[in-house]
Amino acid sequence: MTLDKFDIAILSALQQDARMSLQQLSELVGLTSSPCWTRIKRMEAAGVIEGYSVRVNPALIGLGDTVIVQVTLESHSDEALFEFGRALEQIPEVLEAFLVSGDYDYYVRIAVADTRDYERLLRERLYKIPGIRHSKSSFVLRQLKQSQLPLRR
């Protein structure tokens, strides 16, 4: 799908505030409501817009710590990678998981209440996943940046 300047403007505005009204969005990007709505629906149908969500402050709901876990698996077969990914999907504290190149196979971002909660998660969930050869955990001390996707035309 080719995006023009209006599509990019719509995406940029929605990344900032997906709750704005169609009227507000239309005025902001310089279109009337009907073509703006058509463009949104076209981008949703094409999968450019995957969905809408709410950003929640993790500390205010008791998940004040973020841990980045680097994981190496015993096997790199398609089945082992699939099963590991499937196991991670079953752990609610796992926010993101990336299959990566380099010294480790996966980077996994996890939200926990504190170190004791993370220790519980390791014992009860993560270390029960078969095929983990090695893992290394790093607690995030401070988040320096969180941003939306850079949109280019």
C-alpha atoms as a PDB file:
ATOM      1  CA  MET A   1       0.000   0.000   0.000  1.00  0.00           C
ATOM      2  CA  THR A   2       1.326   3.406  -0.953  1.00  0.00           C
ATOM      3  CA  LEU A   3       0.796   6.121   1.638  1.00  0.00           C
ATOM      4  CA  ASP A   4       0.488   9.746   0.642  1.00  0.00           C
ATOM      5  CA  LYS A   5       0.900  12.870   2.777  1.00  0.00           C
ATOM      6  CA  PHE A   6      -2.692  12.691   4.039  1.00  0.00           C
ATOM      7  CA  ASP A   7      -2.318   9.048   5.107  1.00  0.00           C
ATOM      8  CA  ILE A   8       0.914   9.886   6.925  1.00  0.00           C
ATOM      9  CA  ALA A   9      -0.758  12.870   8.615  1.00  0.00           C
ATOM     10  CA  ILE A  10      -3.675  10.674   9.716  1.00  0.00           C
ATOM     11  CA  LEU A  11      -1.339   8.003  11.106  1.00  0.00           C
ATOM     12  CA  SER A  12       0.780  10.588  12.896  1.00  0.00           C
ATOM     13  CA  ALA A  13      -2.259  12.208  14.492  1.00  0.00           C
ATOM     14  CA  LEU A  14      -3.751   8.863  15.546  1.00  0.00           C
ATOM     15  CA  GLN A  15      -0.454   7.797  17.103  1.00  0.00           C
ATOM     16  CA  GLN A  16      -0.597  10.925  19.247  1.00  0.00           C
ATOM     17  CA  ASP A  17      -4.289  10.608  20.170  1.00  0.00           C
ATOM     18  CA  ALA A  18      -6.358   7.756  18.767  1.00  0.00           C
ATOM     19  CA  ARG A  19      -9.386   9.001  20.706  1.00  0.00           C
ATOM     20  CA  MET A  20      -9.763  12.277  18.832  1.00  0.00           C
ATOM     21  CA  SER A  21     -13.016  12.662  16.988  1.00  0.00           C
ATOM     22  CA  LEU A  22     -13.225  12.196  13.232  1.00  0.00           C
ATOM     23  CA  GLN A  23     -14.101  15.891  13.001  1.00  0.00           C
ATOM     24  CA  GLN A  24     -10.947  16.895  14.890  1.00  0.00           C
ATOM     25  CA  LEU A  25      -8.792  14.521  12.857  1.00  0.00           C
ATOM     26  CA  SER A  26     -10.238  15.747   9.573  1.00  0.00           C
ATOM     27  CA  GLU A  27      -9.566  19.373  10.478  1.00  0.00           C
ATOM     28  CA  LEU A  28      -6.053  18.556  11.632  1.00  0.00           C
ATOM     29  CA  VAL A  29      -5.055  16.783   8.392  1.00  0.00           C
ATOM     30  CA  GLY A  30      -6.923  19.096   6.029  1.00  0.00           C
ATOM     31  CA  LEU A  31      -9.625  16.747   4.720  1.00  0.00           C
ATOM     32  CA  THR A  32     -13.359  16.570   5.108  1.00  0.00           C
ATOM     33  CA  SER A  33     -14.737  13.791   7.301  1.00  0.00           C
ATOM     34  CA  SER A  34     -15.809  11.413   4.516  1.00  0.00           C
ATOM     35  CA  PRO A  35     -12.439  11.053   2.717  1.00  0.00           C
ATOM     36  CA  CYS A  36     -10.650  10.964   6.072  1.00  0.00           C
ATOM     37  CA  TRP A  37     -12.894   8.100   7.230  1.00  0.00           C
ATOM     38  CA  THR A  38     -12.386   6.283   3.908  1.00  0.00           C
ATOM     39  CA  ARG A  39      -8.604   6.523   4.291  1.00  0.00           C
ATOM     40  CA  ILE A  40      -8.739   5.209   7.870  1.00  0.00           C
ATOM     41  CA  LYS A  41     -10.884   2.254   6.819  1.00  0.00           C
ATOM     42  CA  ARG A  42      -8.584   1.532   3.846  1.00  0.00           C
ATOM     43  CA  MET A  43      -5.513   1.535   6.123  1.00  0.00           C
ATOM     44  CA  GLU A  44      -7.295  -0.713   8.638  1.00  0.00           C
ATOM     45  CA  ALA A  45      -8.277  -3.172   5.882  1.00  0.00           C
ATOM     46  CA  ALA A  46      -4.717  -3.210   4.525  1.00  0.00           C
ATOM     47  CA  GLY A  47      -3.289  -3.887   8.000  1.00  0.00           C
ATOM     48  CA  VAL A  48      -1.401  -0.593   8.202  1.00  0.00           C
ATOM     49  CA  ILE A  49      -3.543   0.277  11.230  1.00  0.00           C
ATOM     50  CA  GLU A  50      -3.476  -2.865  13.347  1.00  0.00           C
ATOM     51  CA  GLY A  51      -5.712  -1.642  16.134  1.00  0.00           C
ATOM     52  CA  TYR A  52      -6.203   0.933  18.852  1.00  0.00           C
ATOM     53  CA  SER A  53      -5.063   0.730  22.454  1.00  0.00           C
ATOM     54  CA  VAL A  54      -4.585   2.617  25.688  1.00  0.00           C
ATOM     55  CA  ARG A  55      -1.182   3.356  27.247  1.00  0.00           C
ATOM     56  CA  VAL A  56      -1.253   2.364  30.896  1.00  0.00           C
ATOM     57  CA  ASN A  57       1.287   3.537  33.466  1.00  0.00           C
ATOM     58  CA  PRO A  58       2.752   0.212  34.677  1.00  0.00           C
ATOM     59  CA  ALA A  59       3.945   1.575  38.035  1.00  0.00           C
ATOM     60  CA  LEU A  60       0.446   2.778  38.910  1.00  0.00           C
ATOM     61  CA  ILE A  61      -0.982  -0.728  38.467  1.00  0.00           C
ATOM     62  CA  GLY A  62       1.718  -2.465  40.489  1.00  0.00           C
ATOM     63  CA  LEU A  63       4.151  -3.375  37.690  1.00  0.00           C
ATOM     64  CA  GLY A  64       6.932  -0.935  38.494  1.00  0.00           C
ATOM     65  CA  ASP A  65       9.876  -2.928  37.136  1.00  0.00           C
ATOM     66  CA  THR A  66      10.764  -3.907  33.601  1.00  0.00           C
ATOM     67  CA  VAL A  67      13.223  -6.707  32.913  1.00  0.00           C
ATOM     68  CA  ILE A  68      14.958  -7.441  29.624  1.00  0.00           C
ATOM     69  CA  VAL A  69      15.792 -11.133  29.408  1.00  0.00           C
ATOM     70  CA  GLN A  70      18.207 -12.456  26.819  1.00  0.00           C
ATOM     71  CA  VAL A  71      17.612 -16.138  26.092  1.00  0.00           C
ATOM     72  CA  THR A  72      19.607 -18.783  24.248  1.00  0.00           C
ATOM     73  CA  LEU A  73      17.858 -22.008  23.273  1.00  0.00           C
ATOM     74  CA  GLU A  74      19.350 -25.500  23.057  1.00  0.00           C
ATOM     75  CA  SER A  75      17.908 -26.050  19.588  1.00  0.00           C
ATOM     76  CA  HIS A  76      17.137 -23.738  16.699  1.00  0.00           C
ATOM     77  CA  SER A  77      14.761 -26.043  14.887  1.00  0.00           C
ATOM     78  CA  ASP A  78      11.520 -24.594  13.585  1.00  0.00           C
ATOM     79  CA  GLU A  79       9.626 -26.652  16.160  1.00  0.00           C
ATOM     80  CA  ALA A  80      11.789 -25.418  19.090  1.00  0.00           C
ATOM     81  CA  LEU A  81      11.403 -21.789  18.035  1.00  0.00           C
ATOM     82  CA  PHE A  82       7.648 -22.215  17.566  1.00  0.00           C
ATOM     83  CA  GLU A  83       7.185 -23.912  20.944  1.00  0.00           C
ATOM     84  CA  PHE A  84       9.255 -21.294  22.771  1.00  0.00           C
ATOM     85  CA  GLY A  85       7.235 -18.503  21.182  1.00  0.00           C
ATOM     86  CA  ARG A  86       4.004 -20.262  22.061  1.00  0.00           C
ATOM     87  CA  ALA A  87       5.114 -20.682  25.683  1.00  0.00           C
ATOM     88  CA  LEU A  88       5.952 -16.979  25.948  1.00  0.00           C
ATOM     89  CA  GLU A  89       2.489 -16.077  24.663  1.00  0.00           C
ATOM     90  CA  GLN A  90       1.027 -17.844  27.710  1.00  0.00           C
ATOM     91  CA  ILE A  91       2.907 -15.636  30.192  1.00  0.00           C
ATOM     92  CA  PRO A  92       0.957 -12.408  30.784  1.00  0.00           C
ATOM     93  CA  GLU A  93       4.000 -10.582  32.182  1.00  0.00           C
ATOM     94  CA  VAL A  94       5.796 -10.983  28.840  1.00  0.00           C
ATOM     95  CA  LEU A  95       5.139  -7.743  26.986  1.00  0.00           C
ATOM     96  CA  GLU A  96       7.299  -8.294  23.913  1.00  0.00           C
ATOM     97  CA  ALA A  97       9.584 -10.992  22.570  1.00  0.00           C
ATOM     98  CA  PHE A  98      11.996 -10.676  19.681  1.00  0.00           C
ATOM     99  CA  LEU A  99      13.855 -13.413  17.816  1.00  0.00           C
ATOM    100  CA  VAL A 100      17.236 -11.749  17.237  1.00  0.00           C
ATOM    101  CA  SER A 101      20.598 -12.292  15.623  1.00  0.00           C
ATOM    102  CA  GLY A 102      23.804 -12.278  17.654  1.00  0.00           C
ATOM    103  CA  ASP A 103      24.869 -13.962  20.877  1.00  0.00           C
ATOM    104  CA  TYR A 104      21.327 -14.650  22.105  1.00  0.00           C
ATOM    105  CA  ASP A 105      18.262 -16.014  20.357  1.00  0.00           C
ATOM    106  CA  TYR A 106      15.576 -13.894  22.020  1.00  0.00           C
ATOM    107  CA  TYR A 107      15.153 -10.589  23.802  1.00  0.00           C
ATOM    108  CA  VAL A 108      12.109 -10.682  26.040  1.00  0.00           C
ATOM    109  CA  ARG A 109      10.623  -7.631  27.788  1.00  0.00           C
ATOM    110  CA  ILE A 110       8.816  -8.473  31.005  1.00  0.00           C
ATOM    111  CA  ALA A 111       6.776  -6.344  33.454  1.00  0.00           C
ATOM    112  CA  VAL A 112       6.901  -7.303  37.136  1.00  0.00           C
ATOM    113  CA  ALA A 113       6.158  -5.702  40.493  1.00  0.00           C
ATOM    114  CA  ASP A 114       9.678  -6.067  41.891  1.00  0.00           C
ATOM    115  CA  THR A 115      12.670  -8.424  42.143  1.00  0.00           C
ATOM    116  CA  ARG A 116      10.762 -10.912  44.275  1.00  0.00           C
ATOM    117  CA  ASP A 117       7.980 -11.024  41.690  1.00  0.00           C
ATOM    118  CA  TYR A 118      10.563 -11.580  38.953  1.00  0.00           C
ATOM    119  CA  GLU A 119      12.143 -14.435  40.922  1.00  0.00           C
ATOM    120  CA  ARG A 120       8.681 -16.019  41.194  1.00  0.00           C
ATOM    121  CA  LEU A 121       8.131 -15.618  37.451  1.00  0.00           C
ATOM    122  CA  LEU A 122      11.484 -17.271  36.703  1.00  0.00           C
ATOM    123  CA  ARG A 123      10.765 -20.267  38.941  1.00  0.00           C
ATOM    124  CA  GLU A 124       7.107 -20.758  38.079  1.00  0.00           C
ATOM    125  CA  ARG A 125       6.999 -19.879  34.403  1.00  0.00           C
ATOM    126  CA  LEU A 126      10.148 -19.017  32.461  1.00  0.00           C
ATOM    127  CA  TYR A 127      12.457 -21.801  33.677  1.00  0.00           C
ATOM    128  CA  LYS A 128       9.722 -24.367  33.111  1.00  0.00           C
ATOM    129  CA  ILE A 129       9.862 -23.734  29.354  1.00  0.00           C
ATOM    130  CA  PRO A 130      11.790 -26.644  27.845  1.00  0.00           C
ATOM    131  CA  GLY A 131      14.885 -25.960  25.763  1.00  0.00           C
ATOM    132  CA  ILE A 132      16.376 -22.890  27.449  1.00  0.00           C
ATOM    133  CA  ARG A 133      20.168 -23.247  27.524  1.00  0.00           C
ATOM    134  CA  HIS A 134      21.055 -19.877  29.012  1.00  0.00           C
ATOM    135  CA  SER A 135      19.416 -16.636  30.073  1.00  0.00           C
ATOM    136  CA  LYS A 136      20.652 -13.261  31.244  1.00  0.00           C
ATOM    137  CA  SER A 137      18.410 -10.702  32.940  1.00  0.00           C
ATOM    138  CA  SER A 138      18.797  -6.940  33.133  1.00  0.00           C
ATOM    139  CA  PHE A 139      16.498  -4.695  35.156  1.00  0.00           C
ATOM    140  CA  VAL A 140      15.603  -1.445  33.429  1.00  0.00           C
ATOM    141  CA  LEU A 141      16.707   1.425  35.652  1.00  0.00           C
ATOM    142  CA  ARG A 142      14.961   4.177  33.709  1.00  0.00           C
ATOM    143  CA  GLN A 143      13.112   4.384  30.422  1.00  0.00           C
ATOM    144  CA  LEU A 144      14.765   7.092  28.378  1.00  0.00           C
ATOM    145  CA  LYS A 145      12.468   7.150  25.387  1.00  0.00           C
ATOM    146  CA  GLN A 146       9.125   5.799  24.282  1.00  0.00           C
ATOM    147  CA  SER A 147       7.840   6.994  20.985  1.00  0.00           C
ATOM    148  CA  GLN A 148       5.611   6.261  18.066  1.00  0.00           C
ATOM    149  CA  LEU A 149       6.825   4.963  14.729  1.00  0.00           C
ATOM    150  CA  PRO A 150       8.693   7.478  12.611  1.00  0.00           C
ATOM    151  CA  LEU A 151       6.430   8.106   9.644  1.00  0.00           C
ATOM    152  CA  ARG A 152       7.928   8.956   6.290  1.00  0.00           C
ATOM    153  CA  ARG A 153       6.416   9.626   2.963  1.00  0.00           C
END
